Amino acid sequence: MPVAHMEDVGAAPRPRGRPRSFDPADVVSAARRIFWTKGYEGASIEELSSAMGISRPSLYAAFGSKEGLFNMVVDEIEAENFSYMRRALEQKSARDVAAYMLRGAIGLPDGVARGCLELIGCVAGGPQDISVRANIVDRNAAARRALALRLEQAKREGDLPEVCDAQSISSWLFAVMQGLIVQAACHVERSTLLRIVDLTLAS
C-alpha cells in the first residue's frame, strides 16, 4: 500500500529534511469515524487532525481541505459498495436484480451498511456545504442511473413490460433499499424486513 511522506510541522524537532510517514488508508479511516459521529459540518479540523495523528499543515498538504478529505472518505465508502451493486446488476432478470438489492440490504456487512448510513445521513442531515451535498447526491444519482440502464435492458429483452418507467422504478427501489438499511440498523426483526421485500417484489 502506498505511503505518503510529508513534513510534520507540529512534531518535536528532529533532523532537518526527515519526512513524516503515514498510511493514507489509516488516516482516511480515522477521519471517517469523526465524520460519522460529528457529521461534515460538526467535524473540526482540530478533531480530524488529532484523530488522524497528523498536524494541520500535513492534513492540508495531503488532502487540500476538509472537503477534499471528506471526498476521500466518500470514495472509500463507494468502493465498499461497488462490488455489492455490481453483483446485483449482473443478476439474470430484473426481478432477480431487485431481489438481490433488497434482500442483500438486510444482510449487508457492517462496514458496507454503515457506509450507506453515512451517506444517507450526510444528505438527510442539517445544512451542509453545497458542494459536499452535491457530490453525494451526484454519486447516488449515478448509481440510480446504472440501475435504470439495467432495467432498460430488461425492457429490450422482454423481461419487463415496455410501459415500465425504468427511471421511476430505479428511484423507488433505491428508496426502499435505503429504508431497509436504516431499519436493519435500528434492529427491526429480519422477518419483518423480509416481508417488506416480498411486498415490494410483488408490486
N, C-alpha and C. Protein backbone atom coordinates (compact mmCIF):
# COMPACT_ATOMS: atom_id res chain seq x y z
N MET A 1 0.85 -1.19 0.00
CA MET A 1 0.00 0.00 0.00
C MET A 1 0.88 1.24 0.00
N PRO A 2 0.58 2.29 -0.82
CA PRO A 2 1.44 3.45 -0.90
C PRO A 2 1.49 4.20 0.41
N VAL A 3 2.63 4.83 0.68
CA VAL A 3 2.81 5.61 1.90
C VAL A 3 3.15 7.03 1.51
N ALA A 4 2.45 8.01 2.12
CA ALA A 4 2.71 9.41 1.83
C ALA A 4 3.78 9.93 2.76
N HIS A 5 4.66 10.79 2.27
CA HIS A 5 5.72 11.37 3.07
C HIS A 5 5.56 12.88 3.06
N MET A 6 5.54 13.49 4.24
CA MET A 6 5.42 14.94 4.32
C MET A 6 5.93 15.42 5.64
N GLU A 7 6.21 16.72 5.75
CA GLU A 7 6.77 17.29 6.96
C GLU A 7 5.74 17.32 8.07
N ASP A 8 6.14 16.95 9.26
CA ASP A 8 5.28 17.05 10.44
C ASP A 8 5.66 18.32 11.18
N VAL A 9 4.96 19.40 10.83
CA VAL A 9 5.31 20.71 11.37
C VAL A 9 5.14 20.76 12.87
N GLY A 10 4.11 20.04 13.40
CA GLY A 10 3.80 20.13 14.81
C GLY A 10 4.62 19.22 15.70
N ALA A 11 5.52 18.40 15.16
CA ALA A 11 6.25 17.43 15.96
C ALA A 11 7.46 18.08 16.60
N ALA A 12 8.07 17.36 17.56
CA ALA A 12 9.29 17.83 18.20
C ALA A 12 10.39 17.91 17.16
N PRO A 13 11.39 18.80 17.38
CA PRO A 13 12.47 18.96 16.41
C PRO A 13 13.17 17.63 16.13
N ARG A 14 13.53 17.41 14.90
CA ARG A 14 14.25 16.22 14.52
C ARG A 14 15.13 16.56 13.32
N PRO A 15 15.95 15.69 12.87
CA PRO A 15 16.88 16.03 11.80
C PRO A 15 16.18 16.66 10.61
N ARG A 16 16.75 17.77 10.13
CA ARG A 16 16.18 18.52 9.03
C ARG A 16 16.00 17.63 7.80
N GLY A 17 14.79 17.73 7.18
CA GLY A 17 14.51 17.00 5.96
C GLY A 17 13.97 15.60 6.17
N ARG A 18 13.95 15.11 7.40
CA ARG A 18 13.40 13.77 7.63
C ARG A 18 11.88 13.82 7.49
N PRO A 19 11.27 13.00 6.63
CA PRO A 19 9.84 13.09 6.37
C PRO A 19 9.00 12.39 7.43
N ARG A 20 7.78 12.84 7.55
CA ARG A 20 6.79 12.15 8.37
C ARG A 20 6.08 11.14 7.48
N SER A 21 5.97 9.89 7.90
CA SER A 21 5.32 8.85 7.11
C SER A 21 4.02 8.43 7.76
N PHE A 22 2.97 8.22 6.93
CA PHE A 22 1.73 7.65 7.44
C PHE A 22 1.03 6.93 6.30
N ASP A 23 0.19 6.01 6.68
CA ASP A 23 -0.58 5.23 5.71
C ASP A 23 -1.86 6.00 5.39
N PRO A 24 -2.06 6.42 4.13
CA PRO A 24 -3.26 7.18 3.78
C PRO A 24 -4.55 6.46 4.15
N ALA A 25 -4.58 5.13 3.99
CA ALA A 25 -5.79 4.37 4.31
C ALA A 25 -6.13 4.49 5.79
N ASP A 26 -5.11 4.47 6.64
CA ASP A 26 -5.34 4.57 8.08
C ASP A 26 -5.89 5.94 8.47
N VAL A 27 -5.31 7.00 7.91
CA VAL A 27 -5.76 8.34 8.31
C VAL A 27 -7.15 8.65 7.74
N VAL A 28 -7.45 8.13 6.55
CA VAL A 28 -8.79 8.34 5.99
C VAL A 28 -9.82 7.59 6.83
N SER A 29 -9.50 6.39 7.28
CA SER A 29 -10.42 5.64 8.14
C SER A 29 -10.65 6.36 9.46
N ALA A 30 -9.59 6.97 10.00
CA ALA A 30 -9.73 7.73 11.25
C ALA A 30 -10.63 8.94 11.03
N ALA A 31 -10.45 9.62 9.90
CA ALA A 31 -11.31 10.77 9.58
C ALA A 31 -12.75 10.32 9.39
N ARG A 32 -12.93 9.16 8.80
CA ARG A 32 -14.28 8.64 8.57
C ARG A 32 -15.04 8.47 9.88
N ARG A 33 -14.35 8.00 10.91
CA ARG A 33 -15.01 7.82 12.21
C ARG A 33 -15.46 9.17 12.79
N ILE A 34 -14.66 10.20 12.59
CA ILE A 34 -15.04 11.52 13.09
C ILE A 34 -16.23 12.07 12.31
N PHE A 35 -16.20 11.95 10.98
CA PHE A 35 -17.33 12.41 10.17
C PHE A 35 -18.60 11.65 10.54
N TRP A 36 -18.47 10.34 10.84
CA TRP A 36 -19.63 9.52 11.20
C TRP A 36 -20.27 10.02 12.48
N THR A 37 -19.46 10.38 13.47
CA THR A 37 -20.00 10.79 14.77
C THR A 37 -20.38 12.27 14.80
N LYS A 38 -19.66 13.10 14.06
CA LYS A 38 -19.86 14.55 14.15
C LYS A 38 -20.62 15.14 12.96
N GLY A 39 -20.65 14.40 11.84
CA GLY A 39 -21.18 14.99 10.62
C GLY A 39 -20.13 15.84 9.94
N TYR A 40 -20.41 16.26 8.71
CA TYR A 40 -19.41 17.04 7.97
C TYR A 40 -19.17 18.38 8.64
N GLU A 41 -20.24 19.11 8.91
CA GLU A 41 -20.08 20.45 9.47
C GLU A 41 -19.56 20.40 10.90
N GLY A 42 -19.96 19.38 11.66
CA GLY A 42 -19.57 19.30 13.06
C GLY A 42 -18.13 18.88 13.28
N ALA A 43 -17.52 18.29 12.28
CA ALA A 43 -16.13 17.81 12.41
C ALA A 43 -15.17 18.98 12.18
N SER A 44 -14.42 19.34 13.19
CA SER A 44 -13.46 20.44 13.05
C SER A 44 -12.12 19.91 12.55
N ILE A 45 -11.34 20.79 11.97
CA ILE A 45 -10.01 20.41 11.51
C ILE A 45 -9.16 19.91 12.68
N GLU A 46 -9.33 20.54 13.85
CA GLU A 46 -8.58 20.12 15.03
C GLU A 46 -8.92 18.68 15.41
N GLU A 47 -10.21 18.36 15.43
CA GLU A 47 -10.63 16.99 15.77
C GLU A 47 -10.13 15.99 14.74
N LEU A 48 -10.23 16.38 13.48
CA LEU A 48 -9.80 15.47 12.42
C LEU A 48 -8.30 15.21 12.47
N SER A 49 -7.52 16.28 12.58
CA SER A 49 -6.06 16.09 12.59
C SER A 49 -5.62 15.31 13.82
N SER A 50 -6.29 15.53 14.96
CA SER A 50 -5.95 14.79 16.17
C SER A 50 -6.26 13.30 16.00
N ALA A 51 -7.44 12.99 15.48
CA ALA A 51 -7.83 11.59 15.28
C ALA A 51 -6.93 10.90 14.26
N MET A 52 -6.50 11.65 13.26
CA MET A 52 -5.67 11.10 12.20
C MET A 52 -4.21 10.98 12.60
N GLY A 53 -3.84 11.67 13.69
CA GLY A 53 -2.46 11.62 14.15
C GLY A 53 -1.49 12.39 13.28
N ILE A 54 -2.00 13.44 12.61
CA ILE A 54 -1.14 14.28 11.78
C ILE A 54 -1.42 15.74 12.12
N SER A 55 -0.51 16.61 11.74
CA SER A 55 -0.68 18.03 12.01
C SER A 55 -1.63 18.66 11.00
N ARG A 56 -2.14 19.85 11.35
CA ARG A 56 -3.00 20.58 10.40
C ARG A 56 -2.29 20.81 9.07
N PRO A 57 -1.02 21.31 9.09
CA PRO A 57 -0.35 21.50 7.80
C PRO A 57 -0.24 20.22 6.98
N SER A 58 -0.01 19.09 7.66
CA SER A 58 0.08 17.82 6.94
C SER A 58 -1.26 17.43 6.35
N LEU A 59 -2.34 17.70 7.09
CA LEU A 59 -3.68 17.39 6.59
C LEU A 59 -3.96 18.19 5.32
N TYR A 60 -3.67 19.50 5.38
CA TYR A 60 -3.93 20.34 4.20
C TYR A 60 -3.01 19.96 3.04
N ALA A 61 -1.76 19.60 3.35
CA ALA A 61 -0.83 19.21 2.29
C ALA A 61 -1.29 17.93 1.59
N ALA A 62 -1.85 17.00 2.36
CA ALA A 62 -2.25 15.71 1.80
C ALA A 62 -3.60 15.76 1.09
N PHE A 63 -4.55 16.53 1.64
CA PHE A 63 -5.93 16.48 1.15
C PHE A 63 -6.45 17.81 0.62
N GLY A 64 -5.73 18.89 0.83
CA GLY A 64 -6.12 20.18 0.29
C GLY A 64 -7.08 20.96 1.16
N SER A 65 -8.07 20.28 1.71
CA SER A 65 -9.11 20.94 2.50
C SER A 65 -9.93 19.88 3.24
N LYS A 66 -10.81 20.33 4.12
CA LYS A 66 -11.70 19.38 4.79
C LYS A 66 -12.60 18.70 3.75
N GLU A 67 -13.04 19.46 2.77
CA GLU A 67 -13.88 18.87 1.73
C GLU A 67 -13.12 17.81 0.94
N GLY A 68 -11.85 18.09 0.64
CA GLY A 68 -11.04 17.10 -0.07
C GLY A 68 -10.89 15.82 0.73
N LEU A 69 -10.71 15.96 2.05
CA LEU A 69 -10.62 14.79 2.92
C LEU A 69 -11.95 14.04 2.94
N PHE A 70 -13.05 14.76 3.04
CA PHE A 70 -14.36 14.13 3.07
C PHE A 70 -14.61 13.37 1.77
N ASN A 71 -14.20 13.95 0.64
CA ASN A 71 -14.39 13.26 -0.64
C ASN A 71 -13.59 11.96 -0.69
N MET A 72 -12.42 11.93 -0.03
CA MET A 72 -11.66 10.68 0.06
C MET A 72 -12.43 9.64 0.87
N VAL A 73 -13.09 10.09 1.93
CA VAL A 73 -13.91 9.19 2.74
C VAL A 73 -15.06 8.63 1.90
N VAL A 74 -15.70 9.51 1.12
CA VAL A 74 -16.80 9.07 0.26
C VAL A 74 -16.29 8.08 -0.78
N ASP A 75 -15.09 8.31 -1.32
CA ASP A 75 -14.50 7.36 -2.26
C ASP A 75 -14.35 5.98 -1.62
N GLU A 76 -13.93 5.96 -0.35
CA GLU A 76 -13.74 4.70 0.36
C GLU A 76 -15.08 3.97 0.52
N ILE A 77 -16.11 4.72 0.90
CA ILE A 77 -17.44 4.12 1.06
C ILE A 77 -17.95 3.58 -0.27
N GLU A 78 -17.76 4.37 -1.33
CA GLU A 78 -18.24 3.97 -2.64
C GLU A 78 -17.54 2.69 -3.12
N ALA A 79 -16.25 2.58 -2.82
CA ALA A 79 -15.51 1.37 -3.20
C ALA A 79 -16.08 0.15 -2.49
N GLU A 80 -16.48 0.31 -1.23
CA GLU A 80 -17.07 -0.80 -0.47
C GLU A 80 -18.40 -1.23 -1.07
N ASN A 81 -19.16 -0.24 -1.56
CA ASN A 81 -20.49 -0.54 -2.09
C ASN A 81 -20.46 -1.06 -3.52
N PHE A 82 -19.34 -0.83 -4.23
CA PHE A 82 -19.31 -1.11 -5.66
C PHE A 82 -19.55 -2.58 -5.97
N SER A 83 -18.85 -3.47 -5.28
CA SER A 83 -18.97 -4.90 -5.62
C SER A 83 -20.38 -5.41 -5.36
N TYR A 84 -21.01 -4.89 -4.31
CA TYR A 84 -22.39 -5.30 -4.00
C TYR A 84 -23.33 -4.91 -5.13
N MET A 85 -23.26 -3.65 -5.58
CA MET A 85 -24.14 -3.19 -6.65
C MET A 85 -23.80 -3.88 -7.97
N ARG A 86 -22.53 -4.12 -8.22
CA ARG A 86 -22.15 -4.80 -9.46
C ARG A 86 -22.76 -6.19 -9.52
N ARG A 87 -22.70 -6.91 -8.41
CA ARG A 87 -23.30 -8.25 -8.38
C ARG A 87 -24.81 -8.18 -8.57
N ALA A 88 -25.43 -7.17 -7.99
CA ALA A 88 -26.88 -7.02 -8.16
C ALA A 88 -27.23 -6.81 -9.63
N LEU A 89 -26.50 -5.94 -10.30
CA LEU A 89 -26.81 -5.62 -11.70
C LEU A 89 -26.51 -6.79 -12.64
N GLU A 90 -25.71 -7.74 -12.19
CA GLU A 90 -25.37 -8.90 -13.02
C GLU A 90 -26.39 -10.03 -12.93
N GLN A 91 -27.40 -9.89 -12.09
CA GLN A 91 -28.42 -10.93 -11.97
C GLN A 91 -29.18 -11.09 -13.28
N LYS A 92 -29.75 -12.28 -13.50
CA LYS A 92 -30.29 -12.64 -14.81
C LYS A 92 -31.55 -11.89 -15.21
N SER A 93 -32.41 -11.58 -14.25
CA SER A 93 -33.67 -10.91 -14.58
C SER A 93 -33.83 -9.66 -13.74
N ALA A 94 -34.74 -8.79 -14.17
CA ALA A 94 -35.00 -7.56 -13.42
C ALA A 94 -35.48 -7.88 -12.01
N ARG A 95 -36.32 -8.90 -11.89
CA ARG A 95 -36.80 -9.28 -10.56
C ARG A 95 -35.65 -9.77 -9.69
N ASP A 96 -34.73 -10.52 -10.30
CA ASP A 96 -33.58 -11.01 -9.54
C ASP A 96 -32.67 -9.86 -9.11
N VAL A 97 -32.54 -8.86 -9.97
CA VAL A 97 -31.76 -7.67 -9.62
C VAL A 97 -32.36 -7.01 -8.38
N ALA A 98 -33.68 -6.78 -8.43
CA ALA A 98 -34.36 -6.13 -7.31
C ALA A 98 -34.27 -6.98 -6.04
N ALA A 99 -34.46 -8.29 -6.19
CA ALA A 99 -34.40 -9.17 -5.02
C ALA A 99 -33.01 -9.16 -4.39
N TYR A 100 -31.98 -9.18 -5.23
CA TYR A 100 -30.60 -9.16 -4.72
C TYR A 100 -30.34 -7.87 -3.97
N MET A 101 -30.77 -6.75 -4.55
CA MET A 101 -30.56 -5.45 -3.90
C MET A 101 -31.25 -5.39 -2.55
N LEU A 102 -32.53 -5.76 -2.53
CA LEU A 102 -33.34 -5.56 -1.32
C LEU A 102 -33.01 -6.58 -0.24
N ARG A 103 -32.93 -7.85 -0.62
CA ARG A 103 -32.60 -8.86 0.39
C ARG A 103 -31.16 -8.67 0.88
N GLY A 104 -30.29 -8.30 -0.05
CA GLY A 104 -28.91 -8.06 0.34
C GLY A 104 -28.76 -6.90 1.29
N ALA A 105 -29.62 -5.88 1.14
CA ALA A 105 -29.53 -4.70 2.01
C ALA A 105 -29.77 -5.06 3.47
N ILE A 106 -30.56 -6.10 3.70
CA ILE A 106 -30.86 -6.51 5.08
C ILE A 106 -29.64 -7.14 5.73
N GLY A 107 -28.84 -7.84 4.93
CA GLY A 107 -27.71 -8.56 5.50
C GLY A 107 -26.36 -8.03 5.08
N LEU A 108 -26.29 -6.75 4.73
CA LEU A 108 -25.00 -6.18 4.34
C LEU A 108 -23.99 -6.30 5.47
N PRO A 109 -22.72 -6.54 5.14
CA PRO A 109 -21.68 -6.50 6.18
C PRO A 109 -21.71 -5.16 6.90
N ASP A 110 -21.34 -5.16 8.16
CA ASP A 110 -21.44 -3.94 8.98
C ASP A 110 -20.76 -2.75 8.33
N GLY A 111 -19.57 -2.96 7.76
CA GLY A 111 -18.85 -1.84 7.17
C GLY A 111 -19.58 -1.23 6.00
N VAL A 112 -20.14 -2.07 5.12
CA VAL A 112 -20.86 -1.56 3.95
C VAL A 112 -22.16 -0.89 4.38
N ALA A 113 -22.90 -1.53 5.30
CA ALA A 113 -24.14 -0.94 5.78
C ALA A 113 -23.89 0.40 6.44
N ARG A 114 -22.84 0.46 7.26
CA ARG A 114 -22.51 1.71 7.93
C ARG A 114 -22.16 2.79 6.91
N GLY A 115 -21.44 2.40 5.85
CA GLY A 115 -21.11 3.36 4.81
C GLY A 115 -22.35 3.93 4.15
N CYS A 116 -23.32 3.06 3.87
CA CYS A 116 -24.59 3.53 3.30
C CYS A 116 -25.28 4.51 4.25
N LEU A 117 -25.29 4.19 5.53
CA LEU A 117 -25.91 5.07 6.51
C LEU A 117 -25.19 6.41 6.59
N GLU A 118 -23.88 6.38 6.46
CA GLU A 118 -23.10 7.62 6.50
C GLU A 118 -23.53 8.54 5.36
N LEU A 119 -23.68 7.98 4.17
CA LEU A 119 -24.06 8.80 3.03
C LEU A 119 -25.49 9.29 3.16
N ILE A 120 -26.38 8.41 3.62
CA ILE A 120 -27.77 8.82 3.84
C ILE A 120 -27.81 9.96 4.84
N GLY A 121 -27.07 9.82 5.94
CA GLY A 121 -27.07 10.84 6.98
C GLY A 121 -26.51 12.16 6.51
N CYS A 122 -25.48 12.12 5.67
CA CYS A 122 -24.88 13.36 5.18
C CYS A 122 -25.85 14.14 4.30
N VAL A 123 -26.67 13.43 3.53
CA VAL A 123 -27.62 14.10 2.67
C VAL A 123 -28.86 14.54 3.45
N ALA A 124 -29.29 13.71 4.40
CA ALA A 124 -30.53 13.98 5.11
C ALA A 124 -30.34 14.89 6.32
N GLY A 125 -29.10 15.14 6.72
CA GLY A 125 -28.84 15.93 7.92
C GLY A 125 -29.14 17.40 7.72
N GLY A 126 -28.61 18.21 8.64
CA GLY A 126 -28.86 19.63 8.61
C GLY A 126 -28.15 20.30 7.46
N PRO A 127 -28.04 21.64 7.51
CA PRO A 127 -27.39 22.37 6.43
C PRO A 127 -25.98 21.85 6.18
N GLN A 128 -25.65 21.70 4.93
CA GLN A 128 -24.34 21.18 4.55
C GLN A 128 -23.68 22.13 3.56
N ASP A 129 -22.38 22.04 3.44
CA ASP A 129 -21.68 22.72 2.37
C ASP A 129 -22.30 22.26 1.05
N ILE A 130 -22.66 23.21 0.20
CA ILE A 130 -23.41 22.89 -1.02
C ILE A 130 -22.65 21.90 -1.90
N SER A 131 -21.34 22.10 -2.07
CA SER A 131 -20.59 21.22 -2.95
C SER A 131 -20.46 19.81 -2.37
N VAL A 132 -20.40 19.70 -1.03
CA VAL A 132 -20.34 18.39 -0.39
C VAL A 132 -21.64 17.63 -0.62
N ARG A 133 -22.75 18.30 -0.37
CA ARG A 133 -24.05 17.65 -0.59
C ARG A 133 -24.21 17.27 -2.06
N ALA A 134 -23.82 18.18 -2.95
CA ALA A 134 -23.98 17.93 -4.38
C ALA A 134 -23.16 16.72 -4.81
N ASN A 135 -21.97 16.56 -4.24
CA ASN A 135 -21.12 15.42 -4.58
C ASN A 135 -21.80 14.11 -4.23
N ILE A 136 -22.39 14.04 -3.03
CA ILE A 136 -23.05 12.80 -2.61
C ILE A 136 -24.30 12.56 -3.45
N VAL A 137 -25.07 13.62 -3.68
CA VAL A 137 -26.28 13.49 -4.50
C VAL A 137 -25.92 13.00 -5.90
N ASP A 138 -24.85 13.54 -6.47
CA ASP A 138 -24.43 13.12 -7.81
C ASP A 138 -24.03 11.64 -7.84
N ARG A 139 -23.33 11.19 -6.81
CA ARG A 139 -22.92 9.79 -6.77
C ARG A 139 -24.13 8.87 -6.62
N ASN A 140 -25.08 9.26 -5.79
CA ASN A 140 -26.29 8.47 -5.65
C ASN A 140 -27.06 8.43 -6.96
N ALA A 141 -27.10 9.57 -7.65
CA ALA A 141 -27.80 9.63 -8.93
C ALA A 141 -27.13 8.72 -9.95
N ALA A 142 -25.81 8.63 -9.92
CA ALA A 142 -25.09 7.75 -10.85
C ALA A 142 -25.46 6.29 -10.60
N ALA A 143 -25.60 5.92 -9.34
CA ALA A 143 -26.00 4.54 -9.01
C ALA A 143 -27.42 4.26 -9.49
N ARG A 144 -28.31 5.24 -9.32
CA ARG A 144 -29.69 5.06 -9.81
C ARG A 144 -29.72 4.94 -11.33
N ARG A 145 -28.88 5.73 -12.00
CA ARG A 145 -28.83 5.64 -13.47
C ARG A 145 -28.34 4.27 -13.93
N ALA A 146 -27.35 3.72 -13.21
CA ALA A 146 -26.85 2.40 -13.57
C ALA A 146 -27.95 1.35 -13.46
N LEU A 147 -28.76 1.45 -12.40
CA LEU A 147 -29.87 0.52 -12.25
C LEU A 147 -30.91 0.76 -13.34
N ALA A 148 -31.20 2.02 -13.65
CA ALA A 148 -32.18 2.32 -14.69
C ALA A 148 -31.73 1.75 -16.04
N LEU A 149 -30.45 1.83 -16.34
CA LEU A 149 -29.94 1.26 -17.59
C LEU A 149 -30.13 -0.26 -17.61
N ARG A 150 -29.93 -0.89 -16.46
CA ARG A 150 -30.15 -2.35 -16.39
C ARG A 150 -31.62 -2.67 -16.61
N LEU A 151 -32.50 -1.84 -16.10
CA LEU A 151 -33.94 -2.07 -16.28
C LEU A 151 -34.35 -1.80 -17.73
N GLU A 152 -33.72 -0.83 -18.37
CA GLU A 152 -33.98 -0.59 -19.79
C GLU A 152 -33.56 -1.81 -20.61
N GLN A 153 -32.45 -2.41 -20.24
CA GLN A 153 -32.01 -3.64 -20.90
C GLN A 153 -33.06 -4.73 -20.73
N ALA A 154 -33.62 -4.82 -19.52
CA ALA A 154 -34.66 -5.82 -19.26
C ALA A 154 -35.88 -5.57 -20.15
N LYS A 155 -36.21 -4.31 -20.39
CA LYS A 155 -37.33 -4.00 -21.28
C LYS A 155 -37.03 -4.45 -22.71
N ARG A 156 -35.81 -4.19 -23.17
CA ARG A 156 -35.45 -4.59 -24.54
C ARG A 156 -35.48 -6.11 -24.70
N GLU A 157 -35.16 -6.81 -23.63
CA GLU A 157 -35.13 -8.28 -23.68
C GLU A 157 -36.50 -8.90 -23.43
N GLY A 158 -37.51 -8.06 -23.19
CA GLY A 158 -38.84 -8.57 -22.93
C GLY A 158 -39.05 -9.05 -21.51
N ASP A 159 -38.10 -8.75 -20.64
CA ASP A 159 -38.18 -9.17 -19.24
C ASP A 159 -39.08 -8.24 -18.43
N LEU A 160 -39.22 -7.00 -18.90
CA LEU A 160 -40.12 -6.02 -18.29
C LEU A 160 -41.05 -5.48 -19.37
N PRO A 161 -42.29 -5.15 -19.01
CA PRO A 161 -43.20 -4.55 -20.00
C PRO A 161 -42.63 -3.24 -20.54
N GLU A 162 -42.89 -2.97 -21.79
CA GLU A 162 -42.37 -1.76 -22.43
C GLU A 162 -42.86 -0.49 -21.74
N VAL A 163 -44.04 -0.56 -21.12
CA VAL A 163 -44.62 0.64 -20.49
C VAL A 163 -43.93 1.00 -19.18
N CYS A 164 -43.09 0.15 -18.65
CA CYS A 164 -42.44 0.42 -17.37
C CYS A 164 -41.50 1.62 -17.48
N ASP A 165 -41.53 2.46 -16.47
CA ASP A 165 -40.65 3.63 -16.40
C ASP A 165 -39.40 3.23 -15.61
N ALA A 166 -38.33 2.97 -16.32
CA ALA A 166 -37.11 2.46 -15.67
C ALA A 166 -36.55 3.44 -14.64
N GLN A 167 -36.61 4.74 -14.94
CA GLN A 167 -36.08 5.74 -14.02
C GLN A 167 -36.86 5.74 -12.71
N SER A 168 -38.18 5.71 -12.82
CA SER A 168 -39.02 5.74 -11.61
C SER A 168 -38.85 4.47 -10.79
N ILE A 169 -38.77 3.33 -11.46
CA ILE A 169 -38.59 2.06 -10.74
C ILE A 169 -37.24 2.06 -10.03
N SER A 170 -36.21 2.57 -10.70
CA SER A 170 -34.89 2.64 -10.08
C SER A 170 -34.91 3.50 -8.82
N SER A 171 -35.52 4.68 -8.91
CA SER A 171 -35.60 5.57 -7.74
C SER A 171 -36.38 4.91 -6.61
N TRP A 172 -37.45 4.22 -6.96
CA TRP A 172 -38.29 3.54 -5.96
C TRP A 172 -37.50 2.44 -5.25
N LEU A 173 -36.78 1.62 -6.03
CA LEU A 173 -36.02 0.53 -5.42
C LEU A 173 -34.91 1.06 -4.52
N PHE A 174 -34.26 2.15 -4.92
CA PHE A 174 -33.23 2.72 -4.06
C PHE A 174 -33.82 3.27 -2.78
N ALA A 175 -35.01 3.88 -2.88
CA ALA A 175 -35.66 4.39 -1.67
C ALA A 175 -35.99 3.26 -0.71
N VAL A 176 -36.51 2.16 -1.25
CA VAL A 176 -36.82 1.00 -0.40
C VAL A 176 -35.54 0.42 0.19
N MET A 177 -34.50 0.29 -0.63
CA MET A 177 -33.24 -0.29 -0.16
C MET A 177 -32.65 0.54 0.98
N GLN A 178 -32.63 1.87 0.83
CA GLN A 178 -32.08 2.72 1.88
C GLN A 178 -32.92 2.63 3.14
N GLY A 179 -34.24 2.54 2.97
CA GLY A 179 -35.10 2.37 4.13
C GLY A 179 -34.83 1.07 4.86
N LEU A 180 -34.59 0.00 4.11
CA LEU A 180 -34.27 -1.29 4.73
C LEU A 180 -32.96 -1.23 5.51
N ILE A 181 -31.96 -0.53 4.94
CA ILE A 181 -30.68 -0.40 5.63
C ILE A 181 -30.85 0.33 6.96
N VAL A 182 -31.64 1.40 6.94
CA VAL A 182 -31.89 2.16 8.17
C VAL A 182 -32.63 1.30 9.19
N GLN A 183 -33.67 0.58 8.72
CA GLN A 183 -34.45 -0.26 9.64
C GLN A 183 -33.61 -1.40 10.21
N ALA A 184 -32.76 -1.99 9.37
CA ALA A 184 -31.88 -3.05 9.87
C ALA A 184 -30.92 -2.51 10.93
N ALA A 185 -30.43 -1.29 10.72
CA ALA A 185 -29.54 -0.67 11.70
C ALA A 185 -30.26 -0.39 13.01
N CYS A 186 -31.58 -0.22 12.93
CA CYS A 186 -32.40 0.01 14.14
C CYS A 186 -32.87 -1.30 14.76
N HIS A 187 -32.35 -2.42 14.25
CA HIS A 187 -32.61 -3.76 14.81
C HIS A 187 -34.06 -4.20 14.66
N VAL A 188 -34.72 -3.74 13.58
CA VAL A 188 -36.04 -4.28 13.26
C VAL A 188 -35.86 -5.75 12.89
N GLU A 189 -36.80 -6.59 13.30
CA GLU A 189 -36.66 -8.03 13.07
C GLU A 189 -36.50 -8.36 11.59
N ARG A 190 -35.61 -9.28 11.33
CA ARG A 190 -35.32 -9.67 9.95
C ARG A 190 -36.58 -10.17 9.24
N SER A 191 -37.43 -10.91 9.94
CA SER A 191 -38.65 -11.43 9.32
C SER A 191 -39.54 -10.29 8.85
N THR A 192 -39.59 -9.20 9.61
CA THR A 192 -40.39 -8.04 9.22
C THR A 192 -39.82 -7.40 7.96
N LEU A 193 -38.50 -7.28 7.91
CA LEU A 193 -37.86 -6.67 6.75
C LEU A 193 -38.04 -7.54 5.50
N LEU A 194 -37.97 -8.85 5.67
CA LEU A 194 -38.17 -9.74 4.53
C LEU A 194 -39.59 -9.65 4.00
N ARG A 195 -40.56 -9.43 4.88
CA ARG A 195 -41.95 -9.24 4.41
C ARG A 195 -42.05 -7.97 3.58
N ILE A 196 -41.32 -6.92 3.99
CA ILE A 196 -41.32 -5.69 3.20
C ILE A 196 -40.74 -5.95 1.81
N VAL A 197 -39.66 -6.73 1.77
CA VAL A 197 -39.06 -7.09 0.48
C VAL A 197 -40.05 -7.85 -0.38
N ASP A 198 -40.73 -8.83 0.20
CA ASP A 198 -41.69 -9.64 -0.56
C ASP A 198 -42.83 -8.78 -1.10
N LEU A 199 -43.32 -7.84 -0.28
CA LEU A 199 -44.38 -6.95 -0.73
C LEU A 199 -43.90 -6.06 -1.87
N THR A 200 -42.66 -5.60 -1.77
CA THR A 200 -42.10 -4.75 -2.82
C THR A 200 -41.97 -5.52 -4.12
N LEU A 201 -41.46 -6.74 -4.04
CA LEU A 201 -41.26 -7.54 -5.24
C LEU A 201 -42.58 -7.97 -5.87
N ALA A 202 -43.62 -8.04 -5.06
CA ALA A 202 -44.94 -8.44 -5.58
C ALA A 202 -45.68 -7.27 -6.21
N SER A 203 -45.17 -6.06 -6.03
CA SER A 203 -45.87 -4.87 -6.53
C SER A 203 -45.78 -4.78 -8.06
